Amino acid sequence: MKSKQSSRNQTSYWQLIFSQSKVNGAPYSDDELPVCNWSWPTGTYLQRRRAVKESLTAFGPTASELSARDDARF
């Protein structure tokens, strides 16, 4: 187990991140950043399920769904 004295002298992970930020005076150049074109994924399972659900509700409940709903009330 590490002693408290050694952990106080070491810089934590987050302290390293904040010390390297532009706000804290670290060198920062926008021109040297890698260019990455990113887009949201398409055709995922949840997107397909949502489309199916929206297409089913667009037409309203079917006659069998209405009768099943009415039967469930009694």
PDB file of N, CA and C in Angstrom:
ATOM      1  N   MET A   1       0.841  -1.179   0.000  1.00  0.00           N
ATOM      2  CA  MET A   1       0.000   0.000   0.000  1.00  0.00           C
ATOM      3  C   MET A   1       0.886   1.243   0.000  1.00  0.00           C
ATOM      4  N   LYS A   2       0.504   2.227  -0.789  1.00  0.00           N
ATOM      5  CA  LYS A   2       1.302   3.439  -0.881  1.00  0.00           C
ATOM      6  C   LYS A   2       1.064   4.309   0.348  1.00  0.00           C
ATOM      7  N   SER A   3       2.097   4.981   0.720  1.00  0.00           N
ATOM      8  CA  SER A   3       1.952   5.891   1.851  1.00  0.00           C
ATOM      9  C   SER A   3       1.338   7.201   1.398  1.00  0.00           C
ATOM     10  N   LYS A   4       0.744   7.918   2.307  1.00  0.00           N
ATOM     11  CA  LYS A   4       0.111   9.188   1.977  1.00  0.00           C
ATOM     12  C   LYS A   4       1.142  10.221   1.536  1.00  0.00           C
ATOM     13  N   GLN A   5       2.337  10.143   2.062  1.00  0.00           N
ATOM     14  CA  GLN A   5       3.381  11.100   1.728  1.00  0.00           C
ATOM     15  C   GLN A   5       3.758  11.008   0.251  1.00  0.00           C
ATOM     16  N   SER A   6       3.902   9.787  -0.271  1.00  0.00           N
ATOM     17  CA  SER A   6       4.296   9.652  -1.673  1.00  0.00           C
ATOM     18  C   SER A   6       3.162  10.063  -2.611  1.00  0.00           C
ATOM     19  N   SER A   7       1.905   9.817  -2.220  1.00  0.00           N
ATOM     20  CA  SER A   7       0.788  10.202  -3.086  1.00  0.00           C
ATOM     21  C   SER A   7       0.586  11.708  -3.100  1.00  0.00           C
ATOM     22  N   ARG A   8       0.984  12.394  -2.056  1.00  0.00           N
ATOM     23  CA  ARG A   8       0.857  13.853  -2.033  1.00  0.00           C
ATOM     24  C   ARG A   8       1.869  14.515  -2.968  1.00  0.00           C
ATOM     25  N   ASN A   9       3.021  13.903  -3.134  1.00  0.00           N
ATOM     26  CA  ASN A   9       4.059  14.479  -3.978  1.00  0.00           C
ATOM     27  C   ASN A   9       3.823  14.192  -5.461  1.00  0.00           C
ATOM     28  N   GLN A  10       3.061  13.155  -5.762  1.00  0.00           N
ATOM     29  CA  GLN A  10       2.818  12.808  -7.147  1.00  0.00           C
ATOM     30  C   GLN A  10       1.631  13.607  -7.688  1.00  0.00           C
ATOM     31  N   THR A  11       1.707  13.928  -8.973  1.00  0.00           N
ATOM     32  CA  THR A  11       0.616  14.623  -9.627  1.00  0.00           C
ATOM     33  C   THR A  11      -0.423  13.600 -10.054  1.00  0.00           C
ATOM     34  N   SER A  12      -1.687  13.866  -9.754  1.00  0.00           N
ATOM     35  CA  SER A  12      -2.742  12.932 -10.117  1.00  0.00           C
ATOM     36  C   SER A  12      -3.022  13.007 -11.619  1.00  0.00           C
ATOM     37  N   TYR A  13      -3.766  12.058 -12.086  1.00  0.00           N
ATOM     38  CA  TYR A  13      -4.136  11.994 -13.500  1.00  0.00           C
ATOM     39  C   TYR A  13      -4.854  13.272 -13.920  1.00  0.00           C
ATOM     40  N   TRP A  14      -5.831  13.703 -13.153  1.00  0.00           N
ATOM     41  CA  TRP A  14      -6.598  14.894 -13.508  1.00  0.00           C
ATOM     42  C   TRP A  14      -5.774  16.170 -13.378  1.00  0.00           C
ATOM     43  N   GLN A  15      -4.862  16.213 -12.448  1.00  0.00           N
ATOM     44  CA  GLN A  15      -3.981  17.371 -12.342  1.00  0.00           C
ATOM     45  C   GLN A  15      -3.106  17.494 -13.589  1.00  0.00           C
ATOM     46  N   LEU A  16      -2.665  16.365 -14.124  1.00  0.00           N
ATOM     47  CA  LEU A  16      -1.885  16.387 -15.370  1.00  0.00           C
ATOM     48  C   LEU A  16      -2.724  16.905 -16.529  1.00  0.00           C
ATOM     49  N   ILE A  17      -3.962  16.464 -16.600  1.00  0.00           N
ATOM     50  CA  ILE A  17      -4.842  16.915 -17.684  1.00  0.00           C
ATOM     51  C   ILE A  17      -5.071  18.411 -17.604  1.00  0.00           C
ATOM     52  N   PHE A  18      -5.411  18.897 -16.411  1.00  0.00           N
ATOM     53  CA  PHE A  18      -5.684  20.325 -16.258  1.00  0.00           C
ATOM     54  C   PHE A  18      -4.433  21.174 -16.450  1.00  0.00           C
ATOM     55  N   SER A  19      -3.283  20.653 -16.078  1.00  0.00           N
ATOM     56  CA  SER A  19      -2.060  21.436 -16.263  1.00  0.00           C
ATOM     57  C   SER A  19      -1.689  21.549 -17.738  1.00  0.00           C
ATOM     58  N   GLN A  20      -2.191  20.652 -18.575  1.00  0.00           N
ATOM     59  CA  GLN A  20      -1.896  20.685 -19.998  1.00  0.00           C
ATOM     60  C   GLN A  20      -2.971  21.403 -20.803  1.00  0.00           C
ATOM     61  N   SER A  21      -3.931  22.034 -20.133  1.00  0.00           N
ATOM     62  CA  SER A  21      -5.007  22.703 -20.863  1.00  0.00           C
ATOM     63  C   SER A  21      -4.583  24.096 -21.308  1.00  0.00           C
ATOM     64  N   LYS A  22      -5.248  24.590 -22.320  1.00  0.00           N
ATOM     65  CA  LYS A  22      -4.957  25.905 -22.878  1.00  0.00           C
ATOM     66  C   LYS A  22      -5.210  26.997 -21.843  1.00  0.00           C
ATOM     67  N   VAL A  23      -6.242  26.825 -21.049  1.00  0.00           N
ATOM     68  CA  VAL A  23      -6.615  27.821 -20.043  1.00  0.00           C
ATOM     69  C   VAL A  23      -5.504  28.030 -19.021  1.00  0.00           C
ATOM     70  N   ASN A  24      -4.782  26.962 -18.730  1.00  0.00           N
ATOM     71  CA  ASN A  24      -3.719  27.043 -17.735  1.00  0.00           C
ATOM     72  C   ASN A  24      -2.365  27.381 -18.339  1.00  0.00           C
ATOM     73  N   GLY A  25      -2.351  27.865 -19.570  1.00  0.00           N
ATOM     74  CA  GLY A  25      -1.119  28.354 -20.167  1.00  0.00           C
ATOM     75  C   GLY A  25      -0.305  27.338 -20.936  1.00  0.00           C
ATOM     76  N   ALA A  26      -0.804  26.155 -21.130  1.00  0.00           N
ATOM     77  CA  ALA A  26      -0.063  25.158 -21.900  1.00  0.00           C
ATOM     78  C   ALA A  26      -0.093  25.530 -23.379  1.00  0.00           C
ATOM     79  N   PRO A  27       0.947  25.196 -24.126  1.00  0.00           N
ATOM     80  CA  PRO A  27       0.939  25.504 -25.560  1.00  0.00           C
ATOM     81  C   PRO A  27      -0.167  24.715 -26.269  1.00  0.00           C
ATOM     82  N   TYR A  28      -0.855  25.391 -27.171  1.00  0.00           N
ATOM     83  CA  TYR A  28      -1.994  24.783 -27.852  1.00  0.00           C
ATOM     84  C   TYR A  28      -2.093  25.382 -29.243  1.00  0.00           C
ATOM     85  N   SER A  29      -2.116  24.545 -30.246  1.00  0.00           N
ATOM     86  CA  SER A  29      -2.204  25.022 -31.618  1.00  0.00           C
ATOM     87  C   SER A  29      -3.328  24.280 -32.339  1.00  0.00           C
ATOM     88  N   ASP A  30      -4.322  25.029 -32.802  1.00  0.00           N
ATOM     89  CA  ASP A  30      -5.436  24.424 -33.516  1.00  0.00           C
ATOM     90  C   ASP A  30      -4.996  23.799 -34.829  1.00  0.00           C
ATOM     91  N   ASP A  31      -3.971  24.350 -35.449  1.00  0.00           N
ATOM     92  CA  ASP A  31      -3.521  23.855 -36.744  1.00  0.00           C
ATOM     93  C   ASP A  31      -2.911  22.459 -36.655  1.00  0.00           C
ATOM     94  N   GLU A  32      -2.390  22.095 -35.512  1.00  0.00           N
ATOM     95  CA  GLU A  32      -1.723  20.804 -35.369  1.00  0.00           C
ATOM     96  C   GLU A  32      -2.667  19.684 -34.938  1.00  0.00           C
ATOM     97  N   LEU A  33      -3.926  20.014 -34.671  1.00  0.00           N
ATOM     98  CA  LEU A  33      -4.867  18.984 -34.262  1.00  0.00           C
ATOM     99  C   LEU A  33      -5.224  18.099 -35.455  1.00  0.00           C
ATOM    100  N   PRO A  34      -5.391  16.793 -35.228  1.00  0.00           N
ATOM    101  CA  PRO A  34      -5.747  15.916 -36.338  1.00  0.00           C
ATOM    102  C   PRO A  34      -7.168  16.212 -36.821  1.00  0.00           C
ATOM    103  N   VAL A  35      -7.344  16.132 -38.114  1.00  0.00           N
ATOM    104  CA  VAL A  35      -8.662  16.364 -38.701  1.00  0.00           C
ATOM    105  C   VAL A  35      -9.396  15.031 -38.724  1.00  0.00           C
ATOM    106  N   CYS A  36     -10.584  15.034 -38.168  1.00  0.00           N
ATOM    107  CA  CYS A  36     -11.359  13.807 -38.104  1.00  0.00           C
ATOM    108  C   CYS A  36     -12.811  14.137 -38.438  1.00  0.00           C
ATOM    109  N   ASN A  37     -13.300  13.587 -39.520  1.00  0.00           N
ATOM    110  CA  ASN A  37     -14.705  13.758 -39.876  1.00  0.00           C
ATOM    111  C   ASN A  37     -15.490  12.621 -39.246  1.00  0.00           C
ATOM    112  N   TRP A  38     -16.493  12.979 -38.469  1.00  0.00           N
ATOM    113  CA  TRP A  38     -17.259  11.990 -37.726  1.00  0.00           C
ATOM    114  C   TRP A  38     -18.735  12.233 -37.948  1.00  0.00           C
ATOM    115  N   SER A  39     -19.495  11.168 -38.044  1.00  0.00           N
ATOM    116  CA  SER A  39     -20.938  11.302 -38.166  1.00  0.00           C
ATOM    117  C   SER A  39     -21.604  10.246 -37.282  1.00  0.00           C
ATOM    118  N   TRP A  40     -22.832  10.532 -36.913  1.00  0.00           N
ATOM    119  CA  TRP A  40     -23.576   9.596 -36.073  1.00  0.00           C
ATOM    120  C   TRP A  40     -23.802   8.297 -36.821  1.00  0.00           C
ATOM    121  N   PRO A  41     -23.796   7.168 -36.118  1.00  0.00           N
ATOM    122  CA  PRO A  41     -24.056   5.895 -36.793  1.00  0.00           C
ATOM    123  C   PRO A  41     -25.498   5.836 -37.299  1.00  0.00           C
ATOM    124  N   THR A  42     -25.688   5.166 -38.404  1.00  0.00           N
ATOM    125  CA  THR A  42     -27.024   5.029 -38.976  1.00  0.00           C
ATOM    126  C   THR A  42     -27.379   3.556 -39.081  1.00  0.00           C
ATOM    127  N   GLY A  43     -28.669   3.284 -39.099  1.00  0.00           N
ATOM    128  CA  GLY A  43     -29.131   1.905 -39.255  1.00  0.00           C
ATOM    129  C   GLY A  43     -28.899   1.046 -38.027  1.00  0.00           C
ATOM    130  N   THR A  44     -28.845   1.642 -36.850  1.00  0.00           N
ATOM    131  CA  THR A  44     -28.641   0.849 -35.644  1.00  0.00           C
ATOM    132  C   THR A  44     -29.935   0.138 -35.267  1.00  0.00           C
ATOM    133  N   TYR A  45     -29.840  -0.800 -34.362  1.00  0.00           N
ATOM    134  CA  TYR A  45     -31.006  -1.567 -33.927  1.00  0.00           C
ATOM    135  C   TYR A  45     -32.081  -0.643 -33.364  1.00  0.00           C
ATOM    136  N   LEU A  46     -31.692   0.283 -32.502  1.00  0.00           N
ATOM    137  CA  LEU A  46     -32.682   1.167 -31.895  1.00  0.00           C
ATOM    138  C   LEU A  46     -33.336   2.084 -32.924  1.00  0.00           C
ATOM    139  N   GLN A  47     -32.589   2.538 -33.899  1.00  0.00           N
ATOM    140  CA  GLN A  47     -33.174   3.375 -34.948  1.00  0.00           C
ATOM    141  C   GLN A  47     -34.173   2.577 -35.783  1.00  0.00           C
ATOM    142  N   ARG A  48     -33.854   1.313 -36.078  1.00  0.00           N
ATOM    143  CA  ARG A  48     -34.785   0.476 -36.834  1.00  0.00           C
ATOM    144  C   ARG A  48     -36.043   0.191 -36.028  1.00  0.00           C
ATOM    145  N   ARG A  49     -35.887  -0.096 -34.739  1.00  0.00           N
ATOM    146  CA  ARG A  49     -37.051  -0.357 -33.883  1.00  0.00           C
ATOM    147  C   ARG A  49     -37.935   0.876 -33.780  1.00  0.00           C
ATOM    148  N   ARG A  50     -37.332   2.036 -33.669  1.00  0.00           N
ATOM    149  CA  ARG A  50     -38.112   3.263 -33.592  1.00  0.00           C
ATOM    150  C   ARG A  50     -38.902   3.483 -34.879  1.00  0.00           C
ATOM    151  N   ALA A  51     -38.280   3.234 -36.018  1.00  0.00           N
ATOM    152  CA  ALA A  51     -38.962   3.398 -37.298  1.00  0.00           C
ATOM    153  C   ALA A  51     -40.145   2.439 -37.413  1.00  0.00           C
ATOM    154  N   VAL A  52     -39.965   1.205 -36.960  1.00  0.00           N
ATOM    155  CA  VAL A  52     -41.058   0.232 -36.998  1.00  0.00           C
ATOM    156  C   VAL A  52     -42.191   0.683 -36.090  1.00  0.00           C
ATOM    157  N   LYS A  53     -41.859   1.110 -34.894  1.00  0.00           N
ATOM    158  CA  LYS A  53     -42.879   1.546 -33.953  1.00  0.00           C
ATOM    159  C   LYS A  53     -43.632   2.761 -34.485  1.00  0.00           C
ATOM    160  N   GLU A  54     -42.917   3.708 -35.077  1.00  0.00           N
ATOM    161  CA  GLU A  54     -43.564   4.896 -35.628  1.00  0.00           C
ATOM    162  C   GLU A  54     -44.457   4.534 -36.810  1.00  0.00           C
ATOM    163  N   SER A  55     -44.034   3.584 -37.628  1.00  0.00           N
ATOM    164  CA  SER A  55     -44.866   3.198 -38.772  1.00  0.00           C
ATOM    165  C   SER A  55     -46.122   2.473 -38.302  1.00  0.00           C
ATOM    166  N   LEU A  56     -46.024   1.704 -37.218  1.00  0.00           N
ATOM    167  CA  LEU A  56     -47.194   1.004 -36.703  1.00  0.00           C
ATOM    168  C   LEU A  56     -48.173   1.963 -36.040  1.00  0.00           C
ATOM    169  N   THR A  57     -47.671   2.942 -35.316  1.00  0.00           N
ATOM    170  CA  THR A  57     -48.561   3.879 -34.634  1.00  0.00           C
ATOM    171  C   THR A  57     -49.122   4.922 -35.586  1.00  0.00           C
ATOM    172  N   ALA A  58     -48.517   5.090 -36.746  1.00  0.00           N
ATOM    173  CA  ALA A  58     -49.023   6.063 -37.708  1.00  0.00           C
ATOM    174  C   ALA A  58     -50.384   5.642 -38.246  1.00  0.00           C
ATOM    175  N   PHE A  59     -50.614   4.337 -38.328  1.00  0.00           N
ATOM    176  CA  PHE A  59     -51.885   3.836 -38.839  1.00  0.00           C
ATOM    177  C   PHE A  59     -52.917   3.631 -37.728  1.00  0.00           C
ATOM    178  N   GLY A  60     -52.523   3.760 -36.506  1.00  0.00           N
ATOM    179  CA  GLY A  60     -53.439   3.560 -35.386  1.00  0.00           C
ATOM    180  C   GLY A  60     -53.562   2.089 -35.045  1.00  0.00           C
ATOM    181  N   PRO A  61     -54.259   1.799 -33.966  1.00  0.00           N
ATOM    182  CA  PRO A  61     -54.392   0.398 -33.542  1.00  0.00           C
ATOM    183  C   PRO A  61     -55.282  -0.374 -34.521  1.00  0.00           C
ATOM    184  N   THR A  62     -54.986  -1.653 -34.690  1.00  0.00           N
ATOM    185  CA  THR A  62     -55.788  -2.496 -35.565  1.00  0.00           C
ATOM    186  C   THR A  62     -57.060  -2.913 -34.835  1.00  0.00           C
ATOM    187  N   ALA A  63     -57.993  -3.507 -35.549  1.00  0.00           N
ATOM    188  CA  ALA A  63     -59.261  -3.941 -34.959  1.00  0.00           C
ATOM    189  C   ALA A  63     -59.016  -5.001 -33.888  1.00  0.00           C
ATOM    190  N   SER A  64     -58.063  -5.901 -34.133  1.00  0.00           N
ATOM    191  CA  SER A  64     -57.783  -6.939 -33.138  1.00  0.00           C
ATOM    192  C   SER A  64     -57.177  -6.337 -31.873  1.00  0.00           C
ATOM    193  N   GLU A  65     -56.354  -5.314 -32.030  1.00  0.00           N
ATOM    194  CA  GLU A  65     -55.782  -4.650 -30.858  1.00  0.00           C
ATOM    195  C   GLU A  65     -56.861  -3.936 -30.061  1.00  0.00           C
ATOM    196  N   LEU A  66     -57.815  -3.329 -30.760  1.00  0.00           N
ATOM    197  CA  LEU A  66     -58.910  -2.654 -30.066  1.00  0.00           C
ATOM    198  C   LEU A  66     -59.788  -3.641 -29.318  1.00  0.00           C
ATOM    199  N   SER A  67     -60.111  -4.776 -29.943  1.00  0.00           N
ATOM    200  CA  SER A  67     -60.946  -5.761 -29.267  1.00  0.00           C
ATOM    201  C   SER A  67     -60.215  -6.385 -28.092  1.00  0.00           C
ATOM    202  N   ALA A  68     -58.901  -6.609 -28.241  1.00  0.00           N
ATOM    203  CA  ALA A  68     -58.124  -7.162 -27.134  1.00  0.00           C
ATOM    204  C   ALA A  68     -58.073  -6.170 -25.981  1.00  0.00           C
ATOM    205  N   ARG A  69     -57.981  -4.900 -26.290  1.00  0.00           N
ATOM    206  CA  ARG A  69     -57.970  -3.865 -25.271  1.00  0.00           C
ATOM    207  C   ARG A  69     -59.325  -3.799 -24.559  1.00  0.00           C
ATOM    208  N   ASP A  70     -60.402  -3.902 -25.329  1.00  0.00           N
ATOM    209  CA  ASP A  70     -61.740  -3.883 -24.737  1.00  0.00           C
ATOM    210  C   ASP A  70     -61.978  -5.110 -23.880  1.00  0.00           C
ATOM    211  N   ASP A  71     -61.494  -6.291 -24.319  1.00  0.00           N
ATOM    212  CA  ASP A  71     -61.648  -7.492 -23.536  1.00  0.00           C
ATOM    213  C   ASP A  71     -60.871  -7.424 -22.235  1.00  0.00           C
ATOM    214  N   ALA A  72     -59.740  -6.753 -22.250  1.00  0.00           N
ATOM    215  CA  ALA A  72     -58.895  -6.655 -21.053  1.00  0.00           C
ATOM    216  C   ALA A  72     -59.532  -5.766 -19.991  1.00  0.00           C
ATOM    217  N   ARG A  73     -60.425  -4.889 -20.390  1.00  0.00           N
ATOM    218  CA  ARG A  73     -61.060  -3.998 -19.435  1.00  0.00           C
ATOM    219  C   ARG A  73     -62.057  -4.720 -18.552  1.00  0.00           C
ATOM    220  N   PHE A  74     -62.663  -5.800 -19.069  1.00  0.00           N
ATOM    221  CA  PHE A  74     -63.713  -6.481 -18.306  1.00  0.00           C
ATOM    222  C   PHE A  74     -63.208  -7.693 -17.644  1.00  0.00           C
TER     223      PHE A  74
END
